Amino acid sequence: MFKVAGKIFALSRLAQRPLQVSLKCEPLLAAQLRDAHPAVIPGYHLNKRHWNTVIIDGSMSDRMIKELVEDSYDLVVSGLPRSSRRALAWRADD
């Protein structure tokens, strides 16, 4: 479990092969990613509207996976109180 300010933005069993990571996502983008990439499936045991599980099997670039992780983090942080976002020095509060 990966958290920011006590809120989960990513879930993974790090020893699992192939590695999978569940990430929070805007609902429209979540559906688009599932349609475009077989390695992206609805979030396992999560709200499937807001969470995708990404199977890291080499079919998606490392850069794209990194961007999905960053998007998940940003989505969670954007919902935090302003004081928490400032304490994190989140770039959107510049």
N, C-alpha and C. Protein backbone atom coordinates (compact mmCIF):
# COMPACT_ATOMS: atom_id res chain seq x y z
N MET A 1 0.84 -1.16 0.00
CA MET A 1 0.00 0.00 0.00
C MET A 1 0.90 1.24 0.00
N PHE A 2 0.58 2.15 -0.88
CA PHE A 2 1.34 3.40 -0.96
C PHE A 2 0.37 4.54 -0.66
N LYS A 3 0.73 5.35 0.33
CA LYS A 3 -0.16 6.40 0.80
C LYS A 3 0.52 7.76 0.76
N VAL A 4 -0.32 8.78 0.69
CA VAL A 4 0.11 10.15 0.87
C VAL A 4 -0.89 10.78 1.83
N ALA A 5 -0.39 11.35 2.90
CA ALA A 5 -1.23 11.98 3.93
C ALA A 5 -2.34 11.04 4.39
N GLY A 6 -2.00 9.76 4.52
CA GLY A 6 -2.95 8.77 5.01
C GLY A 6 -3.94 8.25 3.98
N LYS A 7 -3.87 8.71 2.75
CA LYS A 7 -4.78 8.29 1.68
C LYS A 7 -4.04 7.40 0.69
N ILE A 8 -4.65 6.31 0.30
CA ILE A 8 -4.04 5.35 -0.62
C ILE A 8 -4.09 5.89 -2.05
N PHE A 9 -2.94 5.83 -2.74
CA PHE A 9 -2.92 6.18 -4.16
C PHE A 9 -2.45 5.02 -5.03
N ALA A 10 -1.88 3.96 -4.40
CA ALA A 10 -1.45 2.79 -5.15
C ALA A 10 -1.44 1.57 -4.24
N LEU A 11 -1.78 0.43 -4.83
CA LEU A 11 -1.76 -0.84 -4.12
C LEU A 11 -1.02 -1.85 -4.98
N SER A 12 -0.17 -2.66 -4.34
CA SER A 12 0.55 -3.69 -5.08
C SER A 12 1.05 -4.77 -4.13
N ARG A 13 1.07 -5.98 -4.63
CA ARG A 13 1.79 -7.06 -3.96
C ARG A 13 3.14 -7.13 -4.68
N LEU A 14 4.14 -6.59 -4.07
CA LEU A 14 5.43 -6.41 -4.74
C LEU A 14 6.11 -7.71 -5.14
N ALA A 15 5.77 -8.81 -4.48
CA ALA A 15 6.39 -10.10 -4.80
C ALA A 15 5.65 -10.83 -5.92
N GLN A 16 4.49 -10.35 -6.31
CA GLN A 16 3.68 -11.02 -7.33
C GLN A 16 4.30 -10.86 -8.71
N ARG A 17 4.25 -11.92 -9.49
CA ARG A 17 4.77 -11.89 -10.87
C ARG A 17 3.70 -12.37 -11.81
N PRO A 18 3.35 -11.68 -12.89
CA PRO A 18 3.89 -10.36 -13.16
C PRO A 18 3.39 -9.36 -12.12
N LEU A 19 4.20 -8.35 -11.92
CA LEU A 19 3.85 -7.30 -10.98
C LEU A 19 2.58 -6.60 -11.44
N GLN A 20 1.70 -6.31 -10.49
CA GLN A 20 0.49 -5.56 -10.78
C GLN A 20 0.40 -4.41 -9.79
N VAL A 21 -0.13 -3.29 -10.25
CA VAL A 21 -0.32 -2.15 -9.37
C VAL A 21 -1.70 -1.56 -9.67
N SER A 22 -2.45 -1.30 -8.61
CA SER A 22 -3.75 -0.67 -8.75
C SER A 22 -3.59 0.82 -8.47
N LEU A 23 -4.15 1.62 -9.37
CA LEU A 23 -3.97 3.07 -9.31
C LEU A 23 -5.30 3.79 -9.45
N LYS A 24 -5.45 4.87 -8.73
CA LYS A 24 -6.64 5.70 -8.83
C LYS A 24 -6.58 6.46 -10.15
N CYS A 25 -7.76 6.70 -10.74
CA CYS A 25 -7.80 7.31 -12.06
C CYS A 25 -9.13 8.04 -12.25
N GLU A 26 -9.11 9.10 -13.02
CA GLU A 26 -10.36 9.77 -13.39
C GLU A 26 -11.22 8.75 -14.14
N PRO A 27 -12.51 8.68 -13.88
CA PRO A 27 -13.36 7.65 -14.48
C PRO A 27 -13.31 7.55 -16.00
N LEU A 28 -13.36 8.67 -16.70
CA LEU A 28 -13.34 8.63 -18.17
C LEU A 28 -12.00 8.09 -18.68
N LEU A 29 -10.91 8.57 -18.09
CA LEU A 29 -9.59 8.09 -18.48
C LEU A 29 -9.42 6.61 -18.13
N ALA A 30 -9.95 6.19 -16.99
CA ALA A 30 -9.85 4.78 -16.58
C ALA A 30 -10.45 3.88 -17.66
N ALA A 31 -11.62 4.24 -18.15
CA ALA A 31 -12.28 3.45 -19.20
C ALA A 31 -11.48 3.48 -20.50
N GLN A 32 -10.94 4.65 -20.86
CA GLN A 32 -10.15 4.76 -22.09
C GLN A 32 -8.89 3.90 -22.02
N LEU A 33 -8.24 3.90 -20.87
CA LEU A 33 -7.03 3.10 -20.71
C LEU A 33 -7.34 1.61 -20.83
N ARG A 34 -8.45 1.17 -20.26
CA ARG A 34 -8.85 -0.24 -20.37
C ARG A 34 -9.12 -0.63 -21.81
N ASP A 35 -9.74 0.27 -22.55
CA ASP A 35 -10.03 -0.01 -23.96
C ASP A 35 -8.77 -0.06 -24.81
N ALA A 36 -7.79 0.75 -24.46
CA ALA A 36 -6.58 0.88 -25.28
C ALA A 36 -5.49 -0.13 -24.93
N HIS A 37 -5.50 -0.65 -23.70
CA HIS A 37 -4.39 -1.50 -23.24
C HIS A 37 -4.91 -2.76 -22.57
N PRO A 38 -4.63 -3.92 -23.13
CA PRO A 38 -5.05 -5.18 -22.49
C PRO A 38 -4.47 -5.36 -21.09
N ALA A 39 -3.35 -4.70 -20.78
CA ALA A 39 -2.71 -4.84 -19.47
C ALA A 39 -3.37 -3.97 -18.41
N VAL A 40 -4.37 -3.20 -18.80
CA VAL A 40 -5.10 -2.36 -17.85
C VAL A 40 -6.50 -2.95 -17.69
N ILE A 41 -6.80 -3.33 -16.47
CA ILE A 41 -8.09 -3.96 -16.17
C ILE A 41 -8.77 -3.21 -15.02
N PRO A 42 -10.06 -3.42 -14.83
CA PRO A 42 -10.73 -2.76 -13.71
C PRO A 42 -10.04 -3.10 -12.39
N GLY A 43 -10.00 -2.16 -11.48
CA GLY A 43 -9.33 -2.35 -10.19
C GLY A 43 -9.82 -3.58 -9.46
N TYR A 44 -8.90 -4.44 -9.09
CA TYR A 44 -9.21 -5.69 -8.41
C TYR A 44 -9.70 -5.40 -6.99
N HIS A 45 -10.92 -5.79 -6.68
CA HIS A 45 -11.55 -5.56 -5.37
C HIS A 45 -11.59 -4.08 -4.99
N LEU A 46 -11.73 -3.21 -5.98
CA LEU A 46 -11.78 -1.77 -5.75
C LEU A 46 -12.95 -1.18 -6.53
N ASN A 47 -13.25 0.08 -6.30
CA ASN A 47 -14.28 0.77 -7.07
C ASN A 47 -13.80 0.85 -8.51
N LYS A 48 -14.41 0.07 -9.38
CA LYS A 48 -13.93 -0.06 -10.75
C LYS A 48 -14.12 1.20 -11.59
N ARG A 49 -14.91 2.12 -11.09
CA ARG A 49 -15.08 3.39 -11.79
C ARG A 49 -13.85 4.27 -11.61
N HIS A 50 -13.19 4.17 -10.45
CA HIS A 50 -12.08 5.07 -10.10
C HIS A 50 -10.72 4.39 -10.03
N TRP A 51 -10.66 3.08 -10.14
CA TRP A 51 -9.39 2.36 -9.97
C TRP A 51 -9.15 1.40 -11.13
N ASN A 52 -7.92 1.39 -11.62
CA ASN A 52 -7.46 0.42 -12.61
C ASN A 52 -6.34 -0.39 -12.00
N THR A 53 -6.24 -1.64 -12.42
CA THR A 53 -5.09 -2.46 -12.09
C THR A 53 -4.26 -2.58 -13.36
N VAL A 54 -2.99 -2.24 -13.26
CA VAL A 54 -2.07 -2.30 -14.39
C VAL A 54 -1.17 -3.52 -14.20
N ILE A 55 -1.19 -4.41 -15.18
CA ILE A 55 -0.32 -5.58 -15.17
C ILE A 55 0.97 -5.17 -15.86
N ILE A 56 2.05 -5.22 -15.12
CA ILE A 56 3.34 -4.77 -15.67
C ILE A 56 4.01 -5.98 -16.31
N ASP A 57 3.69 -6.14 -17.60
CA ASP A 57 4.14 -7.32 -18.34
C ASP A 57 5.02 -6.94 -19.53
N GLY A 58 5.42 -5.66 -19.61
CA GLY A 58 6.27 -5.21 -20.71
C GLY A 58 5.49 -4.66 -21.89
N SER A 59 4.17 -4.74 -21.85
CA SER A 59 3.38 -4.24 -22.98
C SER A 59 3.16 -2.73 -22.94
N MET A 60 3.42 -2.12 -21.79
CA MET A 60 3.32 -0.66 -21.66
C MET A 60 4.69 -0.12 -21.29
N SER A 61 4.98 1.07 -21.77
CA SER A 61 6.29 1.64 -21.49
C SER A 61 6.43 2.01 -20.02
N ASP A 62 7.66 1.97 -19.53
CA ASP A 62 7.92 2.38 -18.15
C ASP A 62 7.47 3.83 -17.94
N ARG A 63 7.67 4.65 -18.95
CA ARG A 63 7.27 6.06 -18.86
C ARG A 63 5.76 6.20 -18.65
N MET A 64 4.99 5.42 -19.39
CA MET A 64 3.53 5.50 -19.24
C MET A 64 3.10 5.02 -17.86
N ILE A 65 3.70 3.96 -17.37
CA ILE A 65 3.36 3.46 -16.04
C ILE A 65 3.70 4.51 -14.98
N LYS A 66 4.87 5.13 -15.13
CA LYS A 66 5.27 6.19 -14.20
C LYS A 66 4.25 7.33 -14.22
N GLU A 67 3.79 7.71 -15.41
CA GLU A 67 2.81 8.78 -15.52
C GLU A 67 1.49 8.40 -14.86
N LEU A 68 1.09 7.14 -14.97
CA LEU A 68 -0.14 6.69 -14.32
C LEU A 68 -0.01 6.74 -12.79
N VAL A 69 1.18 6.37 -12.28
CA VAL A 69 1.42 6.46 -10.84
C VAL A 69 1.37 7.93 -10.40
N GLU A 70 2.03 8.80 -11.16
CA GLU A 70 2.02 10.23 -10.82
C GLU A 70 0.61 10.81 -10.89
N ASP A 71 -0.17 10.39 -11.88
CA ASP A 71 -1.55 10.87 -11.99
C ASP A 71 -2.38 10.43 -10.79
N SER A 72 -2.17 9.18 -10.35
CA SER A 72 -2.89 8.68 -9.18
C SER A 72 -2.53 9.49 -7.94
N TYR A 73 -1.25 9.73 -7.75
CA TYR A 73 -0.77 10.53 -6.62
C TYR A 73 -1.41 11.93 -6.67
N ASP A 74 -1.33 12.56 -7.84
CA ASP A 74 -1.88 13.91 -7.98
C ASP A 74 -3.38 13.95 -7.73
N LEU A 75 -4.09 12.94 -8.19
CA LEU A 75 -5.54 12.88 -7.98
C LEU A 75 -5.87 12.81 -6.50
N VAL A 76 -5.12 12.01 -5.77
CA VAL A 76 -5.36 11.88 -4.33
C VAL A 76 -4.96 13.18 -3.61
N VAL A 77 -3.81 13.72 -3.95
CA VAL A 77 -3.36 14.94 -3.28
C VAL A 77 -4.29 16.11 -3.58
N SER A 78 -4.83 16.16 -4.78
CA SER A 78 -5.73 17.28 -5.13
C SER A 78 -6.98 17.30 -4.26
N GLY A 79 -7.34 16.16 -3.69
CA GLY A 79 -8.51 16.09 -2.82
C GLY A 79 -8.21 16.36 -1.35
N LEU A 80 -6.95 16.57 -1.03
CA LEU A 80 -6.57 16.86 0.35
C LEU A 80 -6.86 18.32 0.70
N PRO A 81 -6.98 18.61 1.99
CA PRO A 81 -7.13 20.01 2.39
C PRO A 81 -5.92 20.84 1.94
N ARG A 82 -6.14 22.10 1.70
CA ARG A 82 -5.09 22.99 1.21
C ARG A 82 -3.84 22.96 2.10
N SER A 83 -4.03 22.92 3.41
CA SER A 83 -2.88 22.89 4.32
C SER A 83 -2.04 21.63 4.11
N SER A 84 -2.68 20.52 3.83
CA SER A 84 -1.94 19.27 3.57
C SER A 84 -1.20 19.35 2.25
N ARG A 85 -1.87 19.93 1.23
CA ARG A 85 -1.19 20.08 -0.07
C ARG A 85 0.03 20.98 0.06
N ARG A 86 -0.10 22.06 0.83
CA ARG A 86 1.05 22.96 1.03
C ARG A 86 2.17 22.26 1.78
N ALA A 87 1.83 21.47 2.80
CA ALA A 87 2.84 20.75 3.57
C ALA A 87 3.62 19.78 2.69
N LEU A 88 2.97 19.27 1.66
CA LEU A 88 3.61 18.36 0.71
C LEU A 88 4.38 19.11 -0.39
N ALA A 89 4.23 20.44 -0.40
CA ALA A 89 4.83 21.27 -1.47
C ALA A 89 4.38 20.78 -2.84
N TRP A 90 3.09 20.46 -2.91
CA TRP A 90 2.52 19.94 -4.16
C TRP A 90 2.58 21.01 -5.23
N ARG A 91 3.03 20.67 -6.40
CA ARG A 91 3.30 21.64 -7.46
C ARG A 91 2.07 22.42 -7.91
N ALA A 92 0.88 21.87 -7.82
CA ALA A 92 -0.33 22.57 -8.26
C ALA A 92 -0.68 23.74 -7.32
N ASP A 93 -0.10 23.77 -6.13
CA ASP A 93 -0.37 24.86 -5.19
C ASP A 93 0.70 25.96 -5.25
N ASP A 94 1.50 25.94 -6.29
CA ASP A 94 2.56 26.97 -6.42
C ASP A 94 1.96 28.33 -6.64
